[in-house]
Structures are given as C-alpha cells and as structure tokens.
PDB file of all heavy atoms in Angstrom:
ATOM      1  N   SER A   1      35.302   8.104 147.849  1.00  0.00           N
ATOM      2  CA  SER A   1      35.846   7.195 146.842  1.00  0.00           C
ATOM      3  C   SER A   1      34.769   6.201 146.423  1.00  0.00           C
ATOM      4  O   SER A   1      33.789   5.970 147.146  1.00  0.00           O
ATOM      5  CB  SER A   1      37.048   6.442 147.403  1.00  0.00           C
ATOM      6  OG  SER A   1      36.639   5.516 148.410  1.00  0.00           O
ATOM      7  N   GLY A   2      34.983   5.605 145.261  1.00  0.00           N
ATOM      8  CA  GLY A   2      34.036   4.592 144.802  1.00  0.00           C
ATOM      9  C   GLY A   2      33.958   3.417 145.749  1.00  0.00           C
ATOM     10  O   GLY A   2      32.886   2.846 145.968  1.00  0.00           O
ATOM     11  N   ASP A   3      35.111   3.040 146.348  1.00  0.00           N
ATOM     12  CA  ASP A   3      35.124   1.913 147.278  1.00  0.00           C
ATOM     13  C   ASP A   3      34.327   2.216 148.548  1.00  0.00           C
ATOM     14  O   ASP A   3      33.719   1.308 149.137  1.00  0.00           O
ATOM     15  CB  ASP A   3      36.556   1.540 147.646  1.00  0.00           C
ATOM     16  CG  ASP A   3      37.227   0.694 146.585  1.00  0.00           C
ATOM     17  OD1 ASP A   3      36.535   0.274 145.638  1.00  0.00           O
ATOM     18  OD2 ASP A   3      38.444   0.446 146.692  1.00  0.00           O
ATOM     19  N   GLU A   4      34.331   3.457 149.006  1.00  0.00           N
ATOM     20  CA  GLU A   4      33.560   3.807 150.200  1.00  0.00           C
ATOM     21  C   GLU A   4      32.066   3.629 149.945  1.00  0.00           C
ATOM     22  O   GLU A   4      31.340   3.080 150.794  1.00  0.00           O
ATOM     23  CB  GLU A   4      33.852   5.255 150.610  1.00  0.00           C
ATOM     24  CG  GLU A   4      35.205   5.448 151.274  1.00  0.00           C
ATOM     25  CD  GLU A   4      35.440   6.890 151.663  1.00  0.00           C
ATOM     26  OE1 GLU A   4      35.341   7.766 150.764  1.00  0.00           O
ATOM     27  OE2 GLU A   4      35.716   7.153 152.846  1.00  0.00           O
ATOM     28  N   VAL A   5      31.614   4.086 148.795  1.00  0.00           N
ATOM     29  CA  VAL A   5      30.188   3.938 148.469  1.00  0.00           C
ATOM     30  C   VAL A   5      29.850   2.465 148.265  1.00  0.00           C
ATOM     31  O   VAL A   5      28.812   1.975 148.719  1.00  0.00           O
ATOM     32  CB  VAL A   5      29.827   4.750 147.214  1.00  0.00           C
ATOM     33  CG1 VAL A   5      28.330   4.644 146.926  1.00  0.00           C
ATOM     34  CG2 VAL A   5      30.218   6.215 147.387  1.00  0.00           C
ATOM     35  N   LYS A   6      30.749   1.755 147.603  1.00  0.00           N
ATOM     36  CA  LYS A   6      30.522   0.322 147.380  1.00  0.00           C
ATOM     37  C   LYS A   6      30.457  -0.422 148.706  1.00  0.00           C
ATOM     38  O   LYS A   6      29.649  -1.347 148.876  1.00  0.00           O
ATOM     39  CB  LYS A   6      31.631  -0.246 146.503  1.00  0.00           C
ATOM     40  CG  LYS A   6      31.379  -1.674 146.037  1.00  0.00           C
ATOM     41  CD  LYS A   6      32.442  -2.137 145.052  1.00  0.00           C
ATOM     42  CE  LYS A   6      32.140  -3.529 144.533  1.00  0.00           C
ATOM     43  NZ  LYS A   6      33.181  -3.992 143.574  1.00  0.00           N
ATOM     44  N   ALA A   7      31.296  -0.026 149.676  1.00  0.00           N
ATOM     45  CA  ALA A   7      31.290  -0.679 150.985  1.00  0.00           C
ATOM     46  C   ALA A   7      29.922  -0.546 151.646  1.00  0.00           C
ATOM     47  O   ALA A   7      29.442  -1.476 152.307  1.00  0.00           O
ATOM     48  CB  ALA A   7      32.372  -0.083 151.875  1.00  0.00           C
ATOM     49  N   PHE A   8      29.286   0.616 151.477  1.00  0.00           N
ATOM     50  CA  PHE A   8      27.939   0.798 152.040  1.00  0.00           C
ATOM     51  C   PHE A   8      26.948  -0.151 151.383  1.00  0.00           C
ATOM     52  O   PHE A   8      26.152  -0.809 152.065  1.00  0.00           O
ATOM     53  CB  PHE A   8      27.475   2.245 151.860  1.00  0.00           C
ATOM     54  CG  PHE A   8      25.991   2.412 152.038  1.00  0.00           C
ATOM     55  CD1 PHE A   8      25.404   2.240 153.287  1.00  0.00           C
ATOM     56  CD2 PHE A   8      25.174   2.684 150.948  1.00  0.00           C
ATOM     57  CE1 PHE A   8      24.022   2.361 153.453  1.00  0.00           C
ATOM     58  CE2 PHE A   8      23.800   2.804 151.105  1.00  0.00           C
ATOM     59  CZ  PHE A   8      23.216   2.645 152.359  1.00  0.00           C
ATOM     60  N   TYR A   9      26.985  -0.238 150.049  1.00  0.00           N
ATOM     61  CA  TYR A   9      26.008  -1.087 149.363  1.00  0.00           C
ATOM     62  C   TYR A   9      26.256  -2.572 149.625  1.00  0.00           C
ATOM     63  O   TYR A   9      25.315  -3.363 149.721  1.00  0.00           O
ATOM     64  CB  TYR A   9      26.011  -0.787 147.864  1.00  0.00           C
ATOM     65  CG  TYR A   9      25.209   0.450 147.526  1.00  0.00           C
ATOM     66  CD1 TYR A   9      25.831   1.612 147.077  1.00  0.00           C
ATOM     67  CD2 TYR A   9      23.828   0.464 147.674  1.00  0.00           C
ATOM     68  CE1 TYR A   9      25.097   2.753 146.786  1.00  0.00           C
ATOM     69  CE2 TYR A   9      23.086   1.588 147.390  1.00  0.00           C
ATOM     70  CZ  TYR A   9      23.717   2.737 146.943  1.00  0.00           C
ATOM     71  OH  TYR A   9      22.979   3.854 146.667  1.00  0.00           O
ATOM     72  N   VAL A  10      27.518  -2.971 149.754  1.00  0.00           N
ATOM     73  CA  VAL A  10      27.818  -4.359 150.112  1.00  0.00           C
ATOM     74  C   VAL A  10      27.275  -4.670 151.502  1.00  0.00           C
ATOM     75  O   VAL A  10      26.682  -5.734 151.737  1.00  0.00           O
ATOM     76  CB  VAL A  10      29.340  -4.620 150.040  1.00  0.00           C
ATOM     77  CG1 VAL A  10      29.696  -5.942 150.714  1.00  0.00           C
ATOM     78  CG2 VAL A  10      29.809  -4.631 148.595  1.00  0.00           C
ATOM     79  N   TYR A  11      27.458  -3.727 152.441  1.00  0.00           N
ATOM     80  CA  TYR A  11      26.928  -3.926 153.799  1.00  0.00           C
ATOM     81  C   TYR A  11      25.408  -4.006 153.769  1.00  0.00           C
ATOM     82  O   TYR A  11      24.812  -4.891 154.410  1.00  0.00           O
ATOM     83  CB  TYR A  11      27.374  -2.776 154.696  1.00  0.00           C
ATOM     84  CG  TYR A  11      26.787  -2.818 156.090  1.00  0.00           C
ATOM     85  CD1 TYR A  11      27.166  -3.799 157.006  1.00  0.00           C
ATOM     86  CD2 TYR A  11      25.840  -1.872 156.496  1.00  0.00           C
ATOM     87  CE1 TYR A  11      26.629  -3.837 158.277  1.00  0.00           C
ATOM     88  CE2 TYR A  11      25.303  -1.901 157.774  1.00  0.00           C
ATOM     89  CZ  TYR A  11      25.695  -2.885 158.656  1.00  0.00           C
ATOM     90  OH  TYR A  11      25.157  -2.924 159.932  1.00  0.00           O
ATOM     91  N   ALA A  12      24.771  -3.105 153.031  1.00  0.00           N
ATOM     92  CA  ALA A  12      23.312  -3.114 152.943  1.00  0.00           C
ATOM     93  C   ALA A  12      22.807  -4.444 152.397  1.00  0.00           C
ATOM     94  O   ALA A  12      21.850  -5.037 152.917  1.00  0.00           O
ATOM     95  CB  ALA A  12      22.830  -1.965 152.058  1.00  0.00           C
ATOM     96  N   ALA A  13      23.472  -4.928 151.328  1.00  0.00           N
ATOM     97  CA  ALA A  13      23.072  -6.214 150.753  1.00  0.00           C
ATOM     98  C   ALA A  13      23.264  -7.345 151.752  1.00  0.00           C
ATOM     99  O   ALA A  13      22.438  -8.268 151.838  1.00  0.00           O
ATOM    100  CB  ALA A  13      23.877  -6.485 149.485  1.00  0.00           C
ATOM    101  N   GLY A  14      24.360  -7.282 152.532  1.00  0.00           N
ATOM    102  CA  GLY A  14      24.614  -8.317 153.534  1.00  0.00           C
ATOM    103  C   GLY A  14      23.545  -8.346 154.607  1.00  0.00           C
ATOM    104  O   GLY A  14      23.086  -9.427 155.017  1.00  0.00           O
ATOM    105  N   VAL A  15      23.122  -7.184 155.078  1.00  0.00           N
ATOM    106  CA  VAL A  15      22.082  -7.113 156.109  1.00  0.00           C
ATOM    107  C   VAL A  15      20.762  -7.652 155.573  1.00  0.00           C
ATOM    108  O   VAL A  15      20.058  -8.421 156.242  1.00  0.00           O
ATOM    109  CB  VAL A  15      21.921  -5.668 156.612  1.00  0.00           C
ATOM    110  CG1 VAL A  15      20.690  -5.533 157.507  1.00  0.00           C
ATOM    111  CG2 VAL A  15      23.172  -5.226 157.373  1.00  0.00           C
ATOM    112  N   ILE A  16      20.421  -7.269 154.352  1.00  0.00           N
ATOM    113  CA  ILE A  16      19.151  -7.720 153.770  1.00  0.00           C
ATOM    114  C   ILE A  16      19.182  -9.220 153.500  1.00  0.00           C
ATOM    115  O   ILE A  16      18.221  -9.945 153.792  1.00  0.00           O
ATOM    116  CB  ILE A  16      18.852  -6.928 152.487  1.00  0.00           C
ATOM    117  CG1 ILE A  16      18.582  -5.459 152.841  1.00  0.00           C
ATOM    118  CG2 ILE A  16      17.662  -7.520 151.742  1.00  0.00           C
ATOM    119  CD1 ILE A  16      18.533  -4.535 151.651  1.00  0.00           C
ATOM    120  N   ALA A  17      20.304  -9.711 152.949  1.00  0.00           N
ATOM    121  CA  ALA A  17      20.403 -11.139 152.629  1.00  0.00           C
ATOM    122  C   ALA A  17      20.375 -12.013 153.874  1.00  0.00           C
ATOM    123  O   ALA A  17      19.869 -13.141 153.844  1.00  0.00           O
ATOM    124  CB  ALA A  17      21.679 -11.403 151.834  1.00  0.00           C
ATOM    125  N   ASN A  18      20.921 -11.508 154.987  1.00  0.00           N
ATOM    126  CA  ASN A  18      20.986 -12.294 156.223  1.00  0.00           C
ATOM    127  C   ASN A  18      19.869 -11.961 157.200  1.00  0.00           C
ATOM    128  O   ASN A  18      19.860 -12.466 158.321  1.00  0.00           O
ATOM    129  CB  ASN A  18      22.339 -12.068 156.904  1.00  0.00           C
ATOM    130  CG  ASN A  18      23.486 -12.689 156.143  1.00  0.00           C
ATOM    131  OD1 ASN A  18      23.750 -13.874 156.230  1.00  0.00           O
ATOM    132  ND2 ASN A  18      24.195 -11.873 155.351  1.00  0.00           N
ATOM    133  N   SER A  19      18.941 -11.106 156.777  1.00  0.00           N
ATOM    134  CA  SER A  19      17.831 -10.674 157.642  1.00  0.00           C
ATOM    135  C   SER A  19      18.350 -10.141 158.980  1.00  0.00           C
ATOM    136  O   SER A  19      17.857 -10.494 160.041  1.00  0.00           O
ATOM    137  CB  SER A  19      16.841 -11.818 157.881  1.00  0.00           C
ATOM    138  OG  SER A  19      16.143 -12.119 156.710  1.00  0.00           O
ATOM    139  N   GLY A  20      19.366  -9.292 158.909  1.00  0.00           N
ATOM    140  CA  GLY A  20      19.926  -8.704 160.115  1.00  0.00           C
ATOM    141  C   GLY A  20      21.419  -8.528 159.991  1.00  0.00           C
ATOM    142  O   GLY A  20      22.031  -8.900 158.978  1.00  0.00           O
ATOM    143  N   ASN A  21      22.018  -7.967 161.040  1.00  0.00           N
ATOM    144  CA  ASN A  21      23.452  -7.670 160.975  1.00  0.00           C
ATOM    145  C   ASN A  21      24.316  -8.763 161.600  1.00  0.00           C
ATOM    146  O   ASN A  21      25.424  -8.498 162.062  1.00  0.00           O
ATOM    147  CB  ASN A  21      23.745  -6.308 161.620  1.00  0.00           C
ATOM    148  CG  ASN A  21      23.349  -6.259 163.092  1.00  0.00           C
ATOM    149  OD1 ASN A  21      22.476  -6.997 163.552  1.00  0.00           O
ATOM    150  ND2 ASN A  21      23.974  -5.371 163.851  1.00  0.00           N
ATOM    151  N   TYR A  22      23.801  -9.991 161.615  1.00  0.00           N
ATOM    152  CA  TYR A  22      24.577 -11.180 161.972  1.00  0.00           C
ATOM    153  C   TYR A  22      24.386 -12.200 160.858  1.00  0.00           C
ATOM    154  O   TYR A  22      23.276 -12.378 160.361  1.00  0.00           O
ATOM    155  CB  TYR A  22      24.139 -11.763 163.318  1.00  0.00           C
ATOM    156  CG  TYR A  22      24.571 -10.928 164.506  1.00  0.00           C
ATOM    157  CD1 TYR A  22      23.902  -9.768 164.845  1.00  0.00           C
ATOM    158  CD2 TYR A  22      25.677 -11.292 165.271  1.00  0.00           C
ATOM    159  CE1 TYR A  22      24.304  -8.976 165.928  1.00  0.00           C
ATOM    160  CE2 TYR A  22      26.095 -10.518 166.353  1.00  0.00           C
ATOM    161  CZ  TYR A  22      25.404  -9.366 166.669  1.00  0.00           C
ATOM    162  OH  TYR A  22      25.819  -8.596 167.732  1.00  0.00           O
ATOM    163  N   LYS A  23      25.459 -12.881 160.481  1.00  0.00           N
ATOM    164  CA  LYS A  23      25.385 -13.808 159.363  1.00  0.00           C
ATOM    165  C   LYS A  23      24.407 -14.944 159.651  1.00  0.00           C
ATOM    166  O   LYS A  23      24.411 -15.528 160.728  1.00  0.00           O
ATOM    167  CB  LYS A  23      26.771 -14.392 159.058  1.00  0.00           C
ATOM    168  CG  LYS A  23      27.750 -13.392 158.462  1.00  0.00           C
ATOM    169  CD  LYS A  23      29.082 -14.070 158.142  1.00  0.00           C
ATOM    170  CE  LYS A  23      30.070 -13.091 157.544  1.00  0.00           C
ATOM    171  NZ  LYS A  23      31.379 -13.727 157.241  1.00  0.00           N
ATOM    172  N   GLY A  24      23.596 -15.259 158.655  1.00  0.00           N
ATOM    173  CA  GLY A  24      22.688 -16.387 158.799  1.00  0.00           C
ATOM    174  C   GLY A  24      23.421 -17.703 158.876  1.00  0.00           C
ATOM    175  O   GLY A  24      22.941 -18.658 159.476  1.00  0.00           O
ATOM    176  N   PHE A  25      24.577 -17.792 158.263  1.00  0.00           N
ATOM    177  CA  PHE A  25      25.428 -18.993 158.324  1.00  0.00           C
ATOM    178  C   PHE A  25      26.698 -18.610 159.066  1.00  0.00           C
ATOM    179  O   PHE A  25      27.611 -18.018 158.495  1.00  0.00           O
ATOM    180  CB  PHE A  25      25.762 -19.487 156.908  1.00  0.00           C
ATOM    181  CG  PHE A  25      26.356 -20.868 156.860  1.00  0.00           C
ATOM    182  CD1 PHE A  25      25.562 -21.979 156.635  1.00  0.00           C
ATOM    183  CD2 PHE A  25      27.712 -21.060 157.045  1.00  0.00           C
ATOM    184  CE1 PHE A  25      26.105 -23.254 156.587  1.00  0.00           C
ATOM    185  CE2 PHE A  25      28.273 -22.325 156.996  1.00  0.00           C
ATOM    186  CZ  PHE A  25      27.461 -23.429 156.771  1.00  0.00           C
ATOM    187  N   GLY A  26      26.744 -18.914 160.348  1.00  0.00           N
ATOM    188  CA  GLY A  26      27.910 -18.595 161.159  1.00  0.00           C
ATOM    189  C   GLY A  26      27.628 -17.695 162.333  1.00  0.00           C
ATOM    190  O   GLY A  26      28.374 -17.684 163.306  1.00  0.00           O
ATOM    191  N   ASP A  27      26.550 -16.897 162.252  1.00  0.00           N
ATOM    192  CA  ASP A  27      26.084 -16.089 163.387  1.00  0.00           C
ATOM    193  C   ASP A  27      27.060 -15.010 163.839  1.00  0.00           C
ATOM    194  O   ASP A  27      26.928 -14.486 164.941  1.00  0.00           O
ATOM    195  CB  ASP A  27      25.737 -16.988 164.588  1.00  0.00           C
ATOM    196  CG  ASP A  27      24.548 -17.891 164.309  1.00  0.00           C
ATOM    197  OD1 ASP A  27      23.851 -17.647 163.309  1.00  0.00           O
ATOM    198  OD2 ASP A  27      24.322 -18.834 165.082  1.00  0.00           O
ATOM    199  N   THR A  28      28.073 -14.658 163.028  1.00  0.00           N
ATOM    200  CA  THR A  28      28.984 -13.595 163.415  1.00  0.00           C
ATOM    201  C   THR A  28      28.465 -12.254 162.917  1.00  0.00           C
ATOM    202  O   THR A  28      27.744 -12.173 161.916  1.00  0.00           O
ATOM    203  CB  THR A  28      30.396 -13.825 162.849  1.00  0.00           C
ATOM    204  OG1 THR A  28      30.306 -14.030 161.435  1.00  0.00           O
ATOM    205  CG2 THR A  28      31.053 -15.018 163.501  1.00  0.00           C
ATOM    206  N   LYS A  29      28.841 -11.206 163.612  1.00  0.00           N
ATOM    207  CA  LYS A  29      28.326  -9.876 163.311  1.00  0.00           C
ATOM    208  C   LYS A  29      28.946  -9.331 162.025  1.00  0.00           C
ATOM    209  O   LYS A  29      30.111  -9.571 161.717  1.00  0.00           O
ATOM    210  CB  LYS A  29      28.624  -8.924 164.473  1.00  0.00           C
ATOM    211  CG  LYS A  29      27.912  -7.575 164.352  1.00  0.00           C
ATOM    212  CD  LYS A  29      28.027  -6.765 165.626  1.00  0.00           C
ATOM    213  CE  LYS A  29      27.191  -5.504 165.546  1.00  0.00           C
ATOM    214  NZ  LYS A  29      27.202  -4.754 166.827  1.00  0.00           N
ATOM    215  N   ILE A  30      28.141  -8.559 161.282  1.00  0.00           N
ATOM    216  CA  ILE A  30      28.595  -7.865 160.087  1.00  0.00           C
ATOM    217  C   ILE A  30      28.640  -6.374 160.404  1.00  0.00           C
ATOM    218  O   ILE A  30      27.661  -5.817 160.921  1.00  0.00           O
ATOM    219  CB  ILE A  30      27.631  -8.085 158.906  1.00  0.00           C
ATOM    220  CG1 ILE A  30      27.333  -9.570 158.692  1.00  0.00           C
ATOM    221  CG2 ILE A  30      28.181  -7.455 157.635  1.00  0.00           C
ATOM    222  CD1 ILE A  30      26.161  -9.813 157.755  1.00  0.00           C
ATOM    223  N   ILE A  31      29.757  -5.719 160.117  1.00  0.00           N
ATOM    224  CA  ILE A  31      29.839  -4.273 160.275  1.00  0.00           C
ATOM    225  C   ILE A  31      30.247  -3.650 158.944  1.00  0.00           C
ATOM    226  O   ILE A  31      30.831  -4.318 158.096  1.00  0.00           O
ATOM    227  CB  ILE A  31      30.834  -3.853 161.388  1.00  0.00           C
ATOM    228  CG1 ILE A  31      32.274  -4.237 161.010  1.00  0.00           C
ATOM    229  CG2 ILE A  31      30.432  -4.458 162.728  1.00  0.00           C
ATOM    230  CD1 ILE A  31      33.318  -3.655 161.956  1.00  0.00           C
ATOM    231  N   PRO A  32      29.936  -2.376 158.742  1.00  0.00           N
ATOM    232  CA  PRO A  32      30.302  -1.724 157.476  1.00  0.00           C
ATOM    233  C   PRO A  32      31.817  -1.563 157.355  1.00  0.00           C
ATOM    234  O   PRO A  32      32.503  -1.278 158.334  1.00  0.00           O
ATOM    235  CB  PRO A  32      29.616  -0.353 157.562  1.00  0.00           C
ATOM    236  CG  PRO A  32      28.579  -0.496 158.643  1.00  0.00           C
ATOM    237  CD  PRO A  32      29.141  -1.486 159.609  1.00  0.00           C
ATOM    238  N   ASP A  33      32.323  -1.713 156.142  1.00  0.00           N
ATOM    239  CA  ASP A  33      33.749  -1.530 155.876  1.00  0.00           C
ATOM    240  C   ASP A  33      34.015  -0.066 155.489  1.00  0.00           C
ATOM    241  O   ASP A  33      34.648   0.223 154.470  1.00  0.00           O
ATOM    242  CB  ASP A  33      34.197  -2.468 154.758  1.00  0.00           C
ATOM    243  CG  ASP A  33      35.718  -2.561 154.651  1.00  0.00           C
ATOM    244  OD1 ASP A  33      36.400  -2.127 155.604  1.00  0.00           O
ATOM    245  OD2 ASP A  33      36.201  -3.068 153.628  1.00  0.00           O
ATOM    246  N   ILE A  34      33.506   0.831 156.319  1.00  0.00           N
ATOM    247  CA  ILE A  34      33.676   2.259 156.116  1.00  0.00           C
ATOM    248  C   ILE A  34      33.592   2.924 157.486  1.00  0.00           C
ATOM    249  O   ILE A  34      32.793   2.509 158.338  1.00  0.00           O
ATOM    250  CB  ILE A  34      32.598   2.832 155.145  1.00  0.00           C
ATOM    251  CG1 ILE A  34      32.742   4.346 154.996  1.00  0.00           C
ATOM    252  CG2 ILE A  34      31.208   2.439 155.570  1.00  0.00           C
ATOM    253  CD1 ILE A  34      31.784   4.956 153.961  1.00  0.00           C
ATOM    254  N   ASP A  35      34.431   3.905 157.736  1.00  0.00           N
ATOM    255  CA  ASP A  35      34.485   4.572 159.036  1.00  0.00           C
ATOM    256  C   ASP A  35      33.107   5.117 159.427  1.00  0.00           C
ATOM    257  O   ASP A  35      32.369   5.625 158.564  1.00  0.00           O
ATOM    258  CB  ASP A  35      35.495   5.722 158.960  1.00  0.00           C
ATOM    259  CG  ASP A  35      35.638   6.450 160.275  1.00  0.00           C
ATOM    260  OD1 ASP A  35      36.352   5.940 161.160  1.00  0.00           O
ATOM    261  OD2 ASP A  35      35.010   7.524 160.422  1.00  0.00           O
ATOM    262  N   PRO A  36      32.726   5.028 160.718  1.00  0.00           N
ATOM    263  CA  PRO A  36      31.393   5.491 161.145  1.00  0.00           C
ATOM    264  C   PRO A  36      31.093   6.935 160.751  1.00  0.00           C
ATOM    265  O   PRO A  36      29.980   7.236 160.291  1.00  0.00           O
ATOM    266  CB  PRO A  36      31.434   5.325 162.666  1.00  0.00           C
ATOM    267  CG  PRO A  36      32.456   4.271 162.910  1.00  0.00           C
ATOM    268  CD  PRO A  36      33.475   4.421 161.833  1.00  0.00           C
ATOM    269  N   ASN A  37      32.061   7.830 160.942  1.00  0.00           N
ATOM    270  CA  ASN A  37      31.812   9.228 160.594  1.00  0.00           C
ATOM    271  C   ASN A  37      31.619   9.398 159.087  1.00  0.00           C
ATOM    272  O   ASN A  37      30.781  10.199 158.645  1.00  0.00           O
ATOM    273  CB  ASN A  37      32.966  10.102 161.076  1.00  0.00           C
ATOM    274  CG  ASN A  37      33.023  10.182 162.593  1.00  0.00           C
ATOM    275  OD1 ASN A  37      31.994  10.090 163.264  1.00  0.00           O
ATOM    276  ND2 ASN A  37      34.220  10.329 163.140  1.00  0.00           N
ATOM    277  N   ARG A  38      32.381   8.655 158.319  1.00  0.00           N
ATOM    278  CA  ARG A  38      32.238   8.729 156.861  1.00  0.00           C
ATOM    279  C   ARG A  38      30.891   8.166 156.412  1.00  0.00           C
ATOM    280  O   ARG A  38      30.256   8.701 155.492  1.00  0.00           O
ATOM    281  CB  ARG A  38      33.379   7.971 156.175  1.00  0.00           C
ATOM    282  CG  ARG A  38      34.731   8.598 156.358  1.00  0.00           C
ATOM    283  CD  ARG A  38      34.834   9.907 155.601  1.00  0.00           C
ATOM    284  NE  ARG A  38      35.064   9.720 154.176  1.00  0.00           N
ATOM    285  CZ  ARG A  38      35.032  10.708 153.278  1.00  0.00           C
ATOM    286  NH1 ARG A  38      34.742  11.945 153.660  1.00  0.00           N
ATOM    287  NH2 ARG A  38      35.252  10.463 151.986  1.00  0.00           N
ATOM    288  N   LEU A  39      30.452   7.093 157.067  1.00  0.00           N
ATOM    289  CA  LEU A  39      29.153   6.536 156.708  1.00  0.00           C
ATOM    290  C   LEU A  39      28.039   7.530 157.031  1.00  0.00           C
ATOM    291  O   LEU A  39      27.096   7.703 156.251  1.00  0.00           O
ATOM    292  CB  LEU A  39      28.909   5.207 157.437  1.00  0.00           C
ATOM    293  CG  LEU A  39      27.565   4.532 157.155  1.00  0.00           C
ATOM    294  CD1 LEU A  39      27.323   4.357 155.658  1.00  0.00           C
ATOM    295  CD2 LEU A  39      27.481   3.179 157.857  1.00  0.00           C
ATOM    296  N   GLU A  40      28.148   8.197 158.171  1.00  0.00           N
ATOM    297  CA  GLU A  40      27.137   9.203 158.521  1.00  0.00           C
ATOM    298  C   GLU A  40      27.109  10.322 157.484  1.00  0.00           C
ATOM    299  O   GLU A  40      26.031  10.775 157.058  1.00  0.00           O
ATOM    300  CB  GLU A  40      27.416   9.769 159.910  1.00  0.00           C
ATOM    301  CG  GLU A  40      26.389  10.804 160.342  1.00  0.00           C
ATOM    302  CD  GLU A  40      26.513  11.199 161.809  1.00  0.00           C
ATOM    303  OE1 GLU A  40      26.891  10.327 162.621  1.00  0.00           O
ATOM    304  OE2 GLU A  40      26.222  12.360 162.133  1.00  0.00           O
ATOM    305  N   GLN A  41      28.291  10.781 157.063  1.00  0.00           N
ATOM    306  CA  GLN A  41      28.356  11.829 156.038  1.00  0.00           C
ATOM    307  C   GLN A  41      27.753  11.345 154.718  1.00  0.00           C
ATOM    308  O   GLN A  41      27.058  12.097 154.021  1.00  0.00           O
ATOM    309  CB  GLN A  41      29.806  12.256 155.836  1.00  0.00           C
ATOM    310  CG  GLN A  41      30.431  12.963 157.029  1.00  0.00           C
ATOM    311  CD  GLN A  41      31.948  13.086 156.902  1.00  0.00           C
ATOM    312  OE1 GLN A  41      32.510  12.952 155.812  1.00  0.00           O
ATOM    313  NE2 GLN A  41      32.619  13.331 158.019  1.00  0.00           N
ATOM    314  N   LEU A  42      28.008  10.079 154.384  1.00  0.00           N
ATOM    315  CA  LEU A  42      27.453   9.517 153.152  1.00  0.00           C
ATOM    316  C   LEU A  42      25.933   9.455 153.220  1.00  0.00           C
ATOM    317  O   LEU A  42      25.231   9.854 152.274  1.00  0.00           O
ATOM    318  CB  LEU A  42      28.040   8.125 152.914  1.00  0.00           C
ATOM    319  CG  LEU A  42      27.501   7.356 151.695  1.00  0.00           C
ATOM    320  CD1 LEU A  42      27.813   8.096 150.406  1.00  0.00           C
ATOM    321  CD2 LEU A  42      28.083   5.946 151.652  1.00  0.00           C
ATOM    322  N   LEU A  43      25.414   8.972 154.337  1.00  0.00           N
ATOM    323  CA  LEU A  43      23.959   8.878 154.498  1.00  0.00           C
ATOM    324  C   LEU A  43      23.307  10.246 154.458  1.00  0.00           C
ATOM    325  O   LEU A  43      22.176  10.402 153.973  1.00  0.00           O
ATOM    326  CB  LEU A  43      23.619   8.161 155.806  1.00  0.00           C
ATOM    327  CG  LEU A  43      23.964   6.666 155.885  1.00  0.00           C
ATOM    328  CD1 LEU A  43      23.727   6.132 157.293  1.00  0.00           C
ATOM    329  CD2 LEU A  43      23.162   5.865 154.868  1.00  0.00           C
ATOM    330  N   SER A  44      24.010  11.261 154.972  1.00  0.00           N
ATOM    331  CA  SER A  44      23.437  12.619 154.987  1.00  0.00           C
ATOM    332  C   SER A  44      23.259  13.185 153.590  1.00  0.00           C
ATOM    333  O   SER A  44      22.516  14.144 153.383  1.00  0.00           O
ATOM    334  CB  SER A  44      24.311  13.558 155.825  1.00  0.00           C
ATOM    335  OG  SER A  44      25.550  13.815 155.169  1.00  0.00           O
ATOM    336  N   LEU A  45      23.947  12.582 152.587  1.00  0.00           N
ATOM    337  CA  LEU A  45      23.793  13.013 151.199  1.00  0.00           C
ATOM    338  C   LEU A  45      22.550  12.408 150.551  1.00  0.00           C
ATOM    339  O   LEU A  45      22.121  12.861 149.483  1.00  0.00           O
ATOM    340  CB  LEU A  45      25.022  12.603 150.383  1.00  0.00           C
ATOM    341  CG  LEU A  45      26.369  13.199 150.817  1.00  0.00           C
ATOM    342  CD1 LEU A  45      27.499  12.584 150.005  1.00  0.00           C
ATOM    343  CD2 LEU A  45      26.361  14.714 150.671  1.00  0.00           C
TER     344      LEU A  45
END
C-alpha cells in the first residue's frame, strides 16, 4: 500500500533528522510503522 511505503520513508527521514534511531529531543526510540517482514520484503525490491 502507499501508506506502507510512506511509513518507510517517514522512518528514514526520522533517523536521518535525529542522527540515529532515538529522538534528539526526548531520547525515545523510533521504530518503523510497518511490520518487520513487510519492511524486509520492501527493501528486497
């Protein structure tokens, strides 16, 4: 779905903007809003 692909790009932008997978303001972890198996399948494309 379009939302699944968008979830990947939102996560990617979050990691790049925060220089890592924890928020620069708040220090809480960021995880992708897409199932791990689905993300792996998406990356394999």
